[in-house]
Amino acid sequence: MKQVLDTTYRHARRVAVTVIGGSVVAVGVAMIVLPGPAIVVIPIGLAILGAEFAWARHWLEKVKQHAQTAVDVVKSSGGTSRT
């Protein structure tokens, strides 16, 4: 009986993480063209999905690397405009 409950819990958790994380990512993608903080929401959705899926953890690491690169570029330019 305990094994059945453990298996059911794992499947329910995976479904919940998929639905919630997928919804957050979808809202973030929609925010690319709609007003909203897409660059904040998409990584949050990937972090939620990363709780269950290795591919989401991989994408989240890529997003973090790109964000760090962007921060480094801004810091090295001194925050000045190039116009």
C-alpha atoms as a PDB file:
ATOM      1  CA  MET A   1       0.000   0.000   0.000  1.00  0.00           C
ATOM      2  CA  LYS A   2       2.833   2.416   0.888  1.00  0.00           C
ATOM      3  CA  GLN A   3       4.519   1.777  -2.469  1.00  0.00           C
ATOM      4  CA  VAL A   4       1.292   2.619  -4.299  1.00  0.00           C
ATOM      5  CA  LEU A   5       0.964   5.869  -2.347  1.00  0.00           C
ATOM      6  CA  ASP A   6       4.603   6.780  -3.050  1.00  0.00           C
ATOM      7  CA  THR A   7       4.149   6.140  -6.754  1.00  0.00           C
ATOM      8  CA  THR A   8       0.902   8.113  -6.825  1.00  0.00           C
ATOM      9  CA  TYR A   9       2.554  11.016  -4.986  1.00  0.00           C
ATOM     10  CA  ARG A  10       5.474  11.080  -7.449  1.00  0.00           C
ATOM     11  CA  HIS A  11       3.143  11.111 -10.444  1.00  0.00           C
ATOM     12  CA  ALA A  12       0.893  13.764  -8.905  1.00  0.00           C
ATOM     13  CA  ARG A  13       3.907  15.929  -8.078  1.00  0.00           C
ATOM     14  CA  ARG A  14       5.265  15.583 -11.612  1.00  0.00           C
ATOM     15  CA  VAL A  15       1.898  16.542 -13.111  1.00  0.00           C
ATOM     16  CA  ALA A  16       1.569  19.538 -10.752  1.00  0.00           C
ATOM     17  CA  VAL A  17       5.106  20.739 -11.506  1.00  0.00           C
ATOM     18  CA  THR A  18       4.490  20.326 -15.251  1.00  0.00           C
ATOM     19  CA  VAL A  19       1.205  22.229 -15.205  1.00  0.00           C
ATOM     20  CA  ILE A  20       2.381  25.057 -12.949  1.00  0.00           C
ATOM     21  CA  GLY A  21       5.841  25.432 -14.478  1.00  0.00           C
ATOM     22  CA  GLY A  22       4.531  25.156 -18.016  1.00  0.00           C
ATOM     23  CA  SER A  23       1.887  27.769 -17.307  1.00  0.00           C
ATOM     24  CA  VAL A  24       4.444  30.181 -15.860  1.00  0.00           C
ATOM     25  CA  VAL A  25       6.745  29.698 -18.866  1.00  0.00           C
ATOM     26  CA  ALA A  26       3.804  30.181 -21.257  1.00  0.00           C
ATOM     27  CA  VAL A  27       2.819  33.415 -19.521  1.00  0.00           C
ATOM     28  CA  GLY A  28       6.447  34.546 -19.694  1.00  0.00           C
ATOM     29  CA  VAL A  29       6.629  33.793 -23.412  1.00  0.00           C
ATOM     30  CA  ALA A  30       3.400  35.735 -23.931  1.00  0.00           C
ATOM     31  CA  MET A  31       4.991  38.642 -22.065  1.00  0.00           C
ATOM     32  CA  ILE A  32       7.634  38.872 -24.772  1.00  0.00           C
ATOM     33  CA  VAL A  33       5.040  40.590 -26.962  1.00  0.00           C
ATOM     34  CA  LEU A  34       2.697  41.762 -24.196  1.00  0.00           C
ATOM     35  CA  PRO A  35       3.612  44.196 -21.437  1.00  0.00           C
ATOM     36  CA  GLY A  36       5.286  42.449 -18.547  1.00  0.00           C
ATOM     37  CA  PRO A  37       8.583  41.224 -17.127  1.00  0.00           C
ATOM     38  CA  ALA A  38       9.213  38.238 -19.427  1.00  0.00           C
ATOM     39  CA  ILE A  39      12.912  38.120 -18.525  1.00  0.00           C
ATOM     40  CA  VAL A  40      11.916  37.497 -14.906  1.00  0.00           C
ATOM     41  CA  VAL A  41       8.943  35.183 -15.408  1.00  0.00           C
ATOM     42  CA  ILE A  42      10.507  32.722 -17.872  1.00  0.00           C
ATOM     43  CA  PRO A  43      13.424  31.781 -15.566  1.00  0.00           C
ATOM     44  CA  ILE A  44      10.975  31.346 -12.680  1.00  0.00           C
ATOM     45  CA  GLY A  45       8.975  28.895 -14.800  1.00  0.00           C
ATOM     46  CA  LEU A  46      12.144  27.057 -15.791  1.00  0.00           C
ATOM     47  CA  ALA A  47      13.161  26.843 -12.131  1.00  0.00           C
ATOM     48  CA  ILE A  48       9.786  25.296 -11.284  1.00  0.00           C
ATOM     49  CA  LEU A  49      10.100  22.816 -14.141  1.00  0.00           C
ATOM     50  CA  GLY A  50      13.701  22.145 -13.113  1.00  0.00           C
ATOM     51  CA  ALA A  51      12.423  20.510  -9.945  1.00  0.00           C
ATOM     52  CA  GLU A  52      11.412  17.526 -12.099  1.00  0.00           C
ATOM     53  CA  PHE A  53      13.093  17.825 -15.495  1.00  0.00           C
ATOM     54  CA  ALA A  54      16.795  17.854 -16.364  1.00  0.00           C
ATOM     55  CA  TRP A  55      16.181  19.699 -19.663  1.00  0.00           C
ATOM     56  CA  ALA A  56      14.630  22.616 -17.755  1.00  0.00           C
ATOM     57  CA  ARG A  57      17.642  22.772 -15.402  1.00  0.00           C
ATOM     58  CA  HIS A  58      19.901  22.834 -18.470  1.00  0.00           C
ATOM     59  CA  TRP A  59      17.936  25.708 -20.061  1.00  0.00           C
ATOM     60  CA  LEU A  60      17.913  27.590 -16.770  1.00  0.00           C
ATOM     61  CA  GLU A  61      21.705  27.344 -16.604  1.00  0.00           C
ATOM     62  CA  LYS A  62      21.930  28.718 -20.154  1.00  0.00           C
ATOM     63  CA  VAL A  63      19.647  31.621 -19.204  1.00  0.00           C
ATOM     64  CA  LYS A  64      21.797  32.333 -16.141  1.00  0.00           C
ATOM     65  CA  GLN A  65      24.964  32.326 -18.267  1.00  0.00           C
ATOM     66  CA  HIS A  66      23.468  34.723 -20.812  1.00  0.00           C
ATOM     67  CA  ALA A  67      22.222  37.004 -18.051  1.00  0.00           C
ATOM     68  CA  GLN A  68      25.655  37.053 -16.427  1.00  0.00           C
ATOM     69  CA  THR A  69      27.255  37.861 -19.772  1.00  0.00           C
ATOM     70  CA  ALA A  70      24.833  40.761 -20.235  1.00  0.00           C
ATOM     71  CA  VAL A  71      25.586  42.055 -16.727  1.00  0.00           C
ATOM     72  CA  ASP A  72      29.325  41.835 -17.399  1.00  0.00           C
ATOM     73  CA  VAL A  73      28.948  43.777 -20.662  1.00  0.00           C
ATOM     74  CA  VAL A  74      26.977  46.519 -18.937  1.00  0.00           C
ATOM     75  CA  LYS A  75      29.487  46.710 -16.085  1.00  0.00           C
ATOM     76  CA  SER A  76      32.466  46.866 -18.461  1.00  0.00           C
ATOM     77  CA  SER A  77      30.878  49.691 -20.451  1.00  0.00           C
ATOM     78  CA  GLY A  78      30.508  51.689 -17.256  1.00  0.00           C
ATOM     79  CA  GLY A  79      26.787  51.970 -17.803  1.00  0.00           C
ATOM     80  CA  THR A  80      27.280  54.743 -20.353  1.00  0.00           C
ATOM     81  CA  SER A  81      25.319  55.117 -23.536  1.00  0.00           C
ATOM     82  CA  ARG A  82      27.119  54.540 -26.829  1.00  0.00           C
ATOM     83  CA  THR A  83      25.174  57.102 -28.854  1.00  0.00           C
END
